[in-house]
Amino acid sequence: MFVDTHTHFNDESLIEDAEQAIVRALDAGVGKMIQADVDSTERDSMWAVCDRHPSVVYGMIGLYPGSVTASWREEIDRMLPYKEKGPVAVGEIGLDYHEGKEFEKEQKEALRVQLELAAEWNLPVNIHLRDAWGDFLAVLKDCAHLHLRGNLHCFSGSYETYVEANRYADMMIGVGGVVTFKNASLQGVVARLPLERIVLETDAPYLAPVPYRGKRNESSFIPLIAAKIAEIKGVSLDETARITTSNALNLFSLK
């Protein structure tokens, strides 16, 4: 069995086909899928998919950094009642300066509050980062006393950056379709990391693996990602599936 630790069935380009996409994933051996939360505009539709597929599709709770504005505190307040739904992580949260730094201060404040929530709720974190590694590591260092655990979604840093992050928290990396891209630097990081520090993800409908690059991604493509990791590591696909699935089940307390 495989686990997709980060997908978006409620995305507008996937929601109409979500039910069939889940069937295709199950047929491909992807037995469990975790949806990443974005903000209050998508949360109800996200949890509706979870409710229709108990023990197969799970949900996170979090405020995506690209959704952070001056009213971020109200957005986080809207998250709190969903704790009763049983989220398996606080995510996707983090920092994203790719489109600019208008809300840089607010993003860092929202991240810190959500890291504290994760510690309070004893949940792992699912971290989104784009063009913001320095600030993220500074915030994580300040929060080292929280003894956080989680994964670095769609990992794009260096091996040395990964080591630095793990000085302050117990972090795995999420490996998706990018690892199949020609000359992707992620391949070098995967080669150096033990399988015990890797979880699989798609970030569907984005970042589809080769040979579907540029097309809509979905959870059924997870075996293609696993096969590339197995090739890089020089191990069998079965071993890659077994270890990465165990990692995901343990990190997110999936049953």
C-alpha atoms as a PDB file:
ATOM      1  CA  MET A   1       0.000   0.000   0.000  1.00  0.00           C
ATOM      2  CA  PHE A   2       1.036   3.584  -0.682  1.00  0.00           C
ATOM      3  CA  VAL A   3       0.009   6.797   1.117  1.00  0.00           C
ATOM      4  CA  ASP A   4      -0.388  10.185  -0.566  1.00  0.00           C
ATOM      5  CA  THR A   5       0.426  12.598   2.249  1.00  0.00           C
ATOM      6  CA  HIS A   6      -0.590  15.788   0.411  1.00  0.00           C
ATOM      7  CA  THR A   7      -3.373  16.251  -2.113  1.00  0.00           C
ATOM      8  CA  HIS A   8      -6.214  18.658  -2.895  1.00  0.00           C
ATOM      9  CA  PHE A   9      -9.393  16.901  -3.987  1.00  0.00           C
ATOM     10  CA  ASN A  10     -11.306  20.119  -3.345  1.00  0.00           C
ATOM     11  CA  ASP A  11      -9.272  22.104  -5.869  1.00  0.00           C
ATOM     12  CA  GLU A  12     -11.518  23.490  -8.606  1.00  0.00           C
ATOM     13  CA  SER A  13      -9.740  21.450 -11.287  1.00  0.00           C
ATOM     14  CA  LEU A  14     -10.193  18.166  -9.397  1.00  0.00           C
ATOM     15  CA  ILE A  15     -13.315  18.435  -7.250  1.00  0.00           C
ATOM     16  CA  GLU A  16     -15.741  17.451 -10.040  1.00  0.00           C
ATOM     17  CA  ASP A  17     -13.719  14.279 -10.634  1.00  0.00           C
ATOM     18  CA  ALA A  18     -12.774  13.633  -7.010  1.00  0.00           C
ATOM     19  CA  GLU A  19     -14.796  10.455  -6.577  1.00  0.00           C
ATOM     20  CA  GLN A  20     -13.338   8.789  -9.658  1.00  0.00           C
ATOM     21  CA  ALA A  21      -9.856  10.044  -8.777  1.00  0.00           C
ATOM     22  CA  ILE A  22     -10.150   8.310  -5.407  1.00  0.00           C
ATOM     23  CA  VAL A  23     -11.250   5.088  -7.110  1.00  0.00           C
ATOM     24  CA  ARG A  24      -8.280   5.282  -9.495  1.00  0.00           C
ATOM     25  CA  ALA A  25      -5.932   5.844  -6.554  1.00  0.00           C
ATOM     26  CA  LEU A  26      -7.285   2.834  -4.671  1.00  0.00           C
ATOM     27  CA  ASP A  27      -6.956   0.718  -7.817  1.00  0.00           C
ATOM     28  CA  ALA A  28      -3.309   1.839  -8.054  1.00  0.00           C
ATOM     29  CA  GLY A  29      -2.621   0.716  -4.493  1.00  0.00           C
ATOM     30  CA  VAL A  30      -2.818   4.127  -2.843  1.00  0.00           C
ATOM     31  CA  GLY A  31      -4.891   3.156   0.170  1.00  0.00           C
ATOM     32  CA  LYS A  32      -4.815   6.408   2.117  1.00  0.00           C
ATOM     33  CA  MET A  33      -4.754  10.049   1.065  1.00  0.00           C
ATOM     34  CA  ILE A  34      -4.402  13.233   3.128  1.00  0.00           C
ATOM     35  CA  GLN A  35      -5.912  16.526   2.018  1.00  0.00           C
ATOM     36  CA  ALA A  36      -4.086  19.743   2.843  1.00  0.00           C
ATOM     37  CA  ASP A  37      -6.173  22.634   4.150  1.00  0.00           C
ATOM     38  CA  VAL A  38      -5.862  26.087   2.553  1.00  0.00           C
ATOM     39  CA  ASP A  39      -8.349  28.475   4.175  1.00  0.00           C
ATOM     40  CA  SER A  40     -12.006  28.869   5.122  1.00  0.00           C
ATOM     41  CA  THR A  41     -13.187  29.159   1.518  1.00  0.00           C
ATOM     42  CA  GLU A  42     -12.372  25.511   0.759  1.00  0.00           C
ATOM     43  CA  ARG A  43     -12.518  23.840   4.166  1.00  0.00           C
ATOM     44  CA  ASP A  44     -16.109  22.571   4.103  1.00  0.00           C
ATOM     45  CA  SER A  45     -15.710  21.004   0.654  1.00  0.00           C
ATOM     46  CA  MET A  46     -12.447  19.414   1.763  1.00  0.00           C
ATOM     47  CA  TRP A  47     -14.019  17.810   4.809  1.00  0.00           C
ATOM     48  CA  ALA A  48     -17.021  16.667   2.776  1.00  0.00           C
ATOM     49  CA  VAL A  49     -14.663  14.463   0.772  1.00  0.00           C
ATOM     50  CA  CYS A  50     -13.171  13.094   4.008  1.00  0.00           C
ATOM     51  CA  ASP A  51     -16.616  12.359   5.409  1.00  0.00           C
ATOM     52  CA  ARG A  52     -17.542  10.353   2.314  1.00  0.00           C
ATOM     53  CA  HIS A  53     -14.372   8.253   2.552  1.00  0.00           C
ATOM     54  CA  PRO A  54     -13.585   7.476   6.213  1.00  0.00           C
ATOM     55  CA  SER A  55     -10.281   5.704   6.853  1.00  0.00           C
ATOM     56  CA  VAL A  56      -9.277   6.435   3.253  1.00  0.00           C
ATOM     57  CA  VAL A  57      -9.244  10.233   2.891  1.00  0.00           C
ATOM     58  CA  TYR A  58      -8.076  12.332   5.845  1.00  0.00           C
ATOM     59  CA  GLY A  59      -7.873  16.073   6.433  1.00  0.00           C
ATOM     60  CA  MET A  60      -5.450  18.594   7.820  1.00  0.00           C
ATOM     61  CA  ILE A  61      -6.369  21.941   9.337  1.00  0.00           C
ATOM     62  CA  GLY A  62      -4.349  25.052   8.615  1.00  0.00           C
ATOM     63  CA  LEU A  63      -3.989  28.457   6.973  1.00  0.00           C
ATOM     64  CA  TYR A  64      -1.896  28.339   3.797  1.00  0.00           C
ATOM     65  CA  PRO A  65       0.665  31.170   3.705  1.00  0.00           C
ATOM     66  CA  GLY A  66      -0.631  32.395   0.347  1.00  0.00           C
ATOM     67  CA  SER A  67      -4.009  32.952   2.031  1.00  0.00           C
ATOM     68  CA  VAL A  68      -2.563  35.094   4.830  1.00  0.00           C
ATOM     69  CA  THR A  69      -3.760  38.708   4.816  1.00  0.00           C
ATOM     70  CA  ALA A  70      -4.246  41.414   7.421  1.00  0.00           C
ATOM     71  CA  SER A  71      -7.230  39.408   8.738  1.00  0.00           C
ATOM     72  CA  TRP A  72      -5.225  36.226   9.376  1.00  0.00           C
ATOM     73  CA  ARG A  73      -6.263  36.027  13.030  1.00  0.00           C
ATOM     74  CA  GLU A  74      -9.915  35.752  12.054  1.00  0.00           C
ATOM     75  CA  GLU A  75      -9.000  32.988   9.613  1.00  0.00           C
ATOM     76  CA  ILE A  76      -7.261  31.042  12.353  1.00  0.00           C
ATOM     77  CA  ASP A  77     -10.262  31.506  14.639  1.00  0.00           C
ATOM     78  CA  ARG A  78     -12.384  29.904  11.912  1.00  0.00           C
ATOM     79  CA  MET A  79     -10.085  26.889  11.978  1.00  0.00           C
ATOM     80  CA  LEU A  80     -10.554  26.067  15.626  1.00  0.00           C
ATOM     81  CA  PRO A  81     -14.006  24.393  15.536  1.00  0.00           C
ATOM     82  CA  TYR A  82     -12.701  21.913  12.961  1.00  0.00           C
ATOM     83  CA  LYS A  83     -10.467  20.370  15.609  1.00  0.00           C
ATOM     84  CA  GLU A  84     -13.509  18.210  16.400  1.00  0.00           C
ATOM     85  CA  LYS A  85     -13.300  16.713  12.903  1.00  0.00           C
ATOM     86  CA  GLY A  86     -10.087  14.944  13.847  1.00  0.00           C
ATOM     87  CA  PRO A  87      -7.429  16.507  11.606  1.00  0.00           C
ATOM     88  CA  VAL A  88      -4.259  14.441  11.262  1.00  0.00           C
ATOM     89  CA  ALA A  89      -1.950  17.471  10.965  1.00  0.00           C
ATOM     90  CA  VAL A  90      -1.767  21.239  11.101  1.00  0.00           C
ATOM     91  CA  GLY A  91      -1.174  22.206   7.489  1.00  0.00           C
ATOM     92  CA  GLU A  92      -0.440  23.280   5.030  1.00  0.00           C
ATOM     93  CA  ILE A  93       1.226  26.141   6.828  1.00  0.00           C
ATOM     94  CA  GLY A  94       4.491  27.972   6.293  1.00  0.00           C
ATOM     95  CA  LEU A  95       5.934  30.922   4.391  1.00  0.00           C
ATOM     96  CA  ASP A  96       5.660  31.869   0.718  1.00  0.00           C
ATOM     97  CA  TYR A  97       7.306  35.006  -0.670  1.00  0.00           C
ATOM     98  CA  HIS A  98       7.164  33.952  -4.316  1.00  0.00           C
ATOM     99  CA  GLU A  99       4.459  36.480  -5.166  1.00  0.00           C
ATOM    100  CA  GLY A 100       5.950  39.194  -2.946  1.00  0.00           C
ATOM    101  CA  LYS A 101       6.392  40.166   0.699  1.00  0.00           C
ATOM    102  CA  GLU A 102       3.331  42.344   1.284  1.00  0.00           C
ATOM    103  CA  PHE A 103       2.264  40.137   4.203  1.00  0.00           C
ATOM    104  CA  GLU A 104       5.700  38.916   5.295  1.00  0.00           C
ATOM    105  CA  LYS A 105       5.178  39.962   8.924  1.00  0.00           C
ATOM    106  CA  GLU A 106       1.682  38.471   9.039  1.00  0.00           C
ATOM    107  CA  GLN A 107       2.867  35.206   7.476  1.00  0.00           C
ATOM    108  CA  LYS A 108       5.539  34.772  10.141  1.00  0.00           C
ATOM    109  CA  GLU A 109       3.069  35.573  12.922  1.00  0.00           C
ATOM    110  CA  ALA A 110       0.469  33.174  11.521  1.00  0.00           C
ATOM    111  CA  LEU A 111       3.087  30.446  11.190  1.00  0.00           C
ATOM    112  CA  ARG A 112       4.230  30.856  14.776  1.00  0.00           C
ATOM    113  CA  VAL A 113       0.667  30.726  16.131  1.00  0.00           C
ATOM    114  CA  GLN A 114      -0.066  27.582  14.141  1.00  0.00           C
ATOM    115  CA  LEU A 115       3.146  25.885  15.271  1.00  0.00           C
ATOM    116  CA  GLU A 116       2.021  26.573  18.828  1.00  0.00           C
ATOM    117  CA  LEU A 117      -1.406  25.102  18.023  1.00  0.00           C
ATOM    118  CA  ALA A 118       0.225  21.962  16.656  1.00  0.00           C
ATOM    119  CA  ALA A 119       2.168  21.526  19.874  1.00  0.00           C
ATOM    120  CA  GLU A 120      -0.952  22.157  21.962  1.00  0.00           C
ATOM    121  CA  TRP A 121      -2.976  19.642  19.934  1.00  0.00           C
ATOM    122  CA  ASN A 122      -0.099  17.146  19.699  1.00  0.00           C
ATOM    123  CA  LEU A 123      -0.320  17.068  15.903  1.00  0.00           C
ATOM    124  CA  PRO A 124       2.423  17.031  13.257  1.00  0.00           C
ATOM    125  CA  VAL A 125       2.871  20.003  10.941  1.00  0.00           C
ATOM    126  CA  ASN A 126       2.841  20.032   7.153  1.00  0.00           C
ATOM    127  CA  ILE A 127       5.107  22.838   5.981  1.00  0.00           C
ATOM    128  CA  HIS A 128       4.870  24.779   2.712  1.00  0.00           C
ATOM    129  CA  LEU A 129       7.914  26.903   1.829  1.00  0.00           C
ATOM    130  CA  ARG A 130       8.717  29.016  -1.190  1.00  0.00           C
ATOM    131  CA  ASP A 131      11.529  31.567  -1.371  1.00  0.00           C
ATOM    132  CA  ALA A 132      11.548  31.837   2.428  1.00  0.00           C
ATOM    133  CA  TRP A 133      13.961  29.295   3.883  1.00  0.00           C
ATOM    134  CA  GLY A 134      15.941  31.782   5.989  1.00  0.00           C
ATOM    135  CA  ASP A 135      12.908  33.229   7.733  1.00  0.00           C
ATOM    136  CA  PHE A 136      11.390  29.774   8.215  1.00  0.00           C
ATOM    137  CA  LEU A 137      14.507  28.422   9.905  1.00  0.00           C
ATOM    138  CA  ALA A 138      14.576  31.479  12.174  1.00  0.00           C
ATOM    139  CA  VAL A 139      10.959  30.895  13.246  1.00  0.00           C
ATOM    140  CA  LEU A 140      11.564  27.166  13.680  1.00  0.00           C
ATOM    141  CA  LYS A 141      14.616  27.855  15.842  1.00  0.00           C
ATOM    142  CA  ASP A 142      12.547  30.153  18.056  1.00  0.00           C
ATOM    143  CA  CYS A 143       9.981  27.338  18.385  1.00  0.00           C
ATOM    144  CA  ALA A 144      12.474  24.567  19.133  1.00  0.00           C
ATOM    145  CA  HIS A 145      11.087  24.320  22.668  1.00  0.00           C
ATOM    146  CA  LEU A 146       7.785  23.058  21.197  1.00  0.00           C
ATOM    147  CA  HIS A 147       9.450  19.773  20.090  1.00  0.00           C
ATOM    148  CA  LEU A 148       7.576  19.782  16.806  1.00  0.00           C
ATOM    149  CA  ARG A 149       7.351  16.940  14.306  1.00  0.00           C
ATOM    150  CA  GLY A 150       6.133  16.940  10.750  1.00  0.00           C
ATOM    151  CA  ASN A 151       7.182  17.027   7.127  1.00  0.00           C
ATOM    152  CA  LEU A 152       8.537  19.577   4.691  1.00  0.00           C
ATOM    153  CA  HIS A 153       6.014  19.404   1.863  1.00  0.00           C
ATOM    154  CA  CYS A 154       7.270  19.531  -1.733  1.00  0.00           C
ATOM    155  CA  PHE A 155      10.822  19.758  -0.423  1.00  0.00           C
ATOM    156  CA  SER A 156      12.957  22.128  -2.470  1.00  0.00           C
ATOM    157  CA  GLY A 157      15.902  22.766  -0.184  1.00  0.00           C
ATOM    158  CA  SER A 158      19.377  21.278  -0.022  1.00  0.00           C
ATOM    159  CA  TYR A 159      20.468  18.368   2.127  1.00  0.00           C
ATOM    160  CA  GLU A 160      22.209  20.879   4.390  1.00  0.00           C
ATOM    161  CA  THR A 161      18.966  22.856   4.765  1.00  0.00           C
ATOM    162  CA  TYR A 162      17.185  19.670   5.790  1.00  0.00           C
ATOM    163  CA  VAL A 163      19.837  18.982   8.423  1.00  0.00           C
ATOM    164  CA  GLU A 164      19.497  22.544   9.736  1.00  0.00           C
ATOM    165  CA  ALA A 165      15.713  22.224  10.045  1.00  0.00           C
ATOM    166  CA  ASN A 166      16.150  19.025  12.009  1.00  0.00           C
ATOM    167  CA  ARG A 167      18.204  20.824  14.609  1.00  0.00           C
ATOM    168  CA  TYR A 168      14.952  22.441  15.758  1.00  0.00           C
ATOM    169  CA  ALA A 169      12.231  19.875  14.918  1.00  0.00           C
ATOM    170  CA  ASP A 170      11.785  16.261  13.859  1.00  0.00           C
ATOM    171  CA  MET A 171      11.111  16.687  10.149  1.00  0.00           C
ATOM    172  CA  MET A 172      10.698  14.298   7.246  1.00  0.00           C
ATOM    173  CA  ILE A 173      10.501  15.462   3.640  1.00  0.00           C
ATOM    174  CA  GLY A 174       7.567  15.104   1.260  1.00  0.00           C
ATOM    175  CA  VAL A 175       8.699  13.843  -2.149  1.00  0.00           C
ATOM    176  CA  GLY A 176       6.404  14.271  -5.130  1.00  0.00           C
ATOM    177  CA  GLY A 177       6.485  14.429  -8.904  1.00  0.00           C
ATOM    178  CA  VAL A 178       9.440  16.840  -9.039  1.00  0.00           C
ATOM    179  CA  VAL A 179      11.771  13.945  -8.213  1.00  0.00           C
ATOM    180  CA  THR A 180      10.976  12.459 -11.640  1.00  0.00           C
ATOM    181  CA  PHE A 181      11.952  15.637 -13.512  1.00  0.00           C
ATOM    182  CA  LYS A 182      15.215  15.514 -15.460  1.00  0.00           C
ATOM    183  CA  ASN A 183      18.150  16.956 -13.486  1.00  0.00           C
ATOM    184  CA  ALA A 184      15.965  17.796 -10.462  1.00  0.00           C
ATOM    185  CA  SER A 185      18.177  18.716  -7.488  1.00  0.00           C
ATOM    186  CA  LEU A 186      15.726  16.804  -5.285  1.00  0.00           C
ATOM    187  CA  GLN A 187      17.177  13.578  -6.647  1.00  0.00           C
ATOM    188  CA  GLY A 188      20.483  14.329  -4.916  1.00  0.00           C
ATOM    189  CA  VAL A 189      18.739  14.974  -1.604  1.00  0.00           C
ATOM    190  CA  VAL A 190      16.756  11.731  -1.885  1.00  0.00           C
ATOM    191  CA  ALA A 191      19.990   9.851  -2.605  1.00  0.00           C
ATOM    192  CA  ARG A 192      21.493  11.098   0.668  1.00  0.00           C
ATOM    193  CA  LEU A 193      18.455  10.680   2.927  1.00  0.00           C
ATOM    194  CA  PRO A 194      17.409   7.307   4.342  1.00  0.00           C
ATOM    195  CA  LEU A 195      13.976   6.084   3.259  1.00  0.00           C
ATOM    196  CA  GLU A 196      12.924   6.378   6.889  1.00  0.00           C
ATOM    197  CA  ARG A 197      12.919  10.185   6.465  1.00  0.00           C
ATOM    198  CA  ILE A 198      10.731  10.302   3.337  1.00  0.00           C
ATOM    199  CA  VAL A 199       6.971  10.365   2.780  1.00  0.00           C
ATOM    200  CA  LEU A 200       5.268  10.314  -0.615  1.00  0.00           C
ATOM    201  CA  GLU A 201       2.954  13.028  -1.911  1.00  0.00           C
ATOM    202  CA  THR A 202       1.428  14.355  -5.111  1.00  0.00           C
ATOM    203  CA  ASP A 203       0.245  17.904  -4.325  1.00  0.00           C
ATOM    204  CA  ALA A 204      -2.485  17.010  -6.826  1.00  0.00           C
ATOM    205  CA  PRO A 205      -3.656  18.546  -9.065  1.00  0.00           C
ATOM    206  CA  TYR A 206      -0.212  20.187  -9.352  1.00  0.00           C
ATOM    207  CA  LEU A 207       3.282  18.910 -10.251  1.00  0.00           C
ATOM    208  CA  ALA A 208       2.405  15.676 -12.019  1.00  0.00           C
ATOM    209  CA  PRO A 209       5.318  13.244 -12.422  1.00  0.00           C
ATOM    210  CA  VAL A 210       6.865  12.169 -15.694  1.00  0.00           C
ATOM    211  CA  PRO A 211       5.336  11.004 -18.086  1.00  0.00           C
ATOM    212  CA  TYR A 212       2.365  13.212 -17.109  1.00  0.00           C
ATOM    213  CA  ARG A 213       4.358  16.376 -16.436  1.00  0.00           C
ATOM    214  CA  GLY A 214       2.308  19.450 -17.337  1.00  0.00           C
ATOM    215  CA  LYS A 215      -0.982  17.595 -16.990  1.00  0.00           C
ATOM    216  CA  ARG A 216      -3.342  17.325 -14.043  1.00  0.00           C
ATOM    217  CA  ASN A 217      -1.835  15.363 -11.186  1.00  0.00           C
ATOM    218  CA  GLU A 218      -3.714  12.856  -9.022  1.00  0.00           C
ATOM    219  CA  SER A 219      -3.078  10.378  -6.233  1.00  0.00           C
ATOM    220  CA  SER A 220      -3.025   7.371  -8.578  1.00  0.00           C
ATOM    221  CA  PHE A 221       0.388   8.596  -9.815  1.00  0.00           C
ATOM    222  CA  ILE A 222       2.048   7.929  -6.440  1.00  0.00           C
ATOM    223  CA  PRO A 223       3.552   4.591  -7.648  1.00  0.00           C
ATOM    224  CA  LEU A 224       5.462   6.499 -10.363  1.00  0.00           C
ATOM    225  CA  ILE A 225       7.027   8.700  -7.695  1.00  0.00           C
ATOM    226  CA  ALA A 226       7.842   5.687  -5.547  1.00  0.00           C
ATOM    227  CA  ALA A 227       9.432   3.900  -8.512  1.00  0.00           C
ATOM    228  CA  LYS A 228      11.770   6.846  -9.135  1.00  0.00           C
ATOM    229  CA  ILE A 229      12.773   6.941  -5.474  1.00  0.00           C
ATOM    230  CA  ALA A 230      13.440   3.189  -5.570  1.00  0.00           C
ATOM    231  CA  GLU A 231      15.645   3.709  -8.631  1.00  0.00           C
ATOM    232  CA  ILE A 232      17.606   6.508  -6.958  1.00  0.00           C
ATOM    233  CA  LYS A 233      18.057   4.514  -3.747  1.00  0.00           C
ATOM    234  CA  GLY A 234      18.837   1.237  -5.492  1.00  0.00           C
ATOM    235  CA  VAL A 235      16.124  -0.659  -3.627  1.00  0.00           C
ATOM    236  CA  SER A 236      12.947  -2.446  -4.634  1.00  0.00           C
ATOM    237  CA  LEU A 237       9.612  -0.749  -5.172  1.00  0.00           C
ATOM    238  CA  ASP A 238       8.164  -3.003  -2.467  1.00  0.00           C
ATOM    239  CA  GLU A 239      10.723  -1.787   0.073  1.00  0.00           C
ATOM    240  CA  THR A 240      10.090   1.833  -0.891  1.00  0.00           C
ATOM    241  CA  ALA A 241       6.340   1.338  -0.487  1.00  0.00           C
ATOM    242  CA  ARG A 242       6.713  -0.459   2.829  1.00  0.00           C
ATOM    243  CA  ILE A 243       9.001   2.078   4.466  1.00  0.00           C
ATOM    244  CA  THR A 244       7.359   5.268   3.176  1.00  0.00           C
ATOM    245  CA  THR A 245       3.923   3.932   4.095  1.00  0.00           C
ATOM    246  CA  SER A 246       5.111   3.092   7.595  1.00  0.00           C
ATOM    247  CA  ASN A 247       6.561   6.593   7.880  1.00  0.00           C
ATOM    248  CA  ALA A 248       3.238   8.177   6.892  1.00  0.00           C
ATOM    249  CA  LEU A 249       1.107   5.947   9.123  1.00  0.00           C
ATOM    250  CA  ASN A 250       3.289   6.734  12.126  1.00  0.00           C
ATOM    251  CA  LEU A 251       3.760  10.466  11.489  1.00  0.00           C
ATOM    252  CA  PHE A 252       0.067  11.178  10.921  1.00  0.00           C
ATOM    253  CA  SER A 253      -1.298   8.460  13.260  1.00  0.00           C
ATOM    254  CA  LEU A 254      -3.404   6.968  10.462  1.00  0.00           C
ATOM    255  CA  LYS A 255      -5.555   3.939  11.158  1.00  0.00           C
END
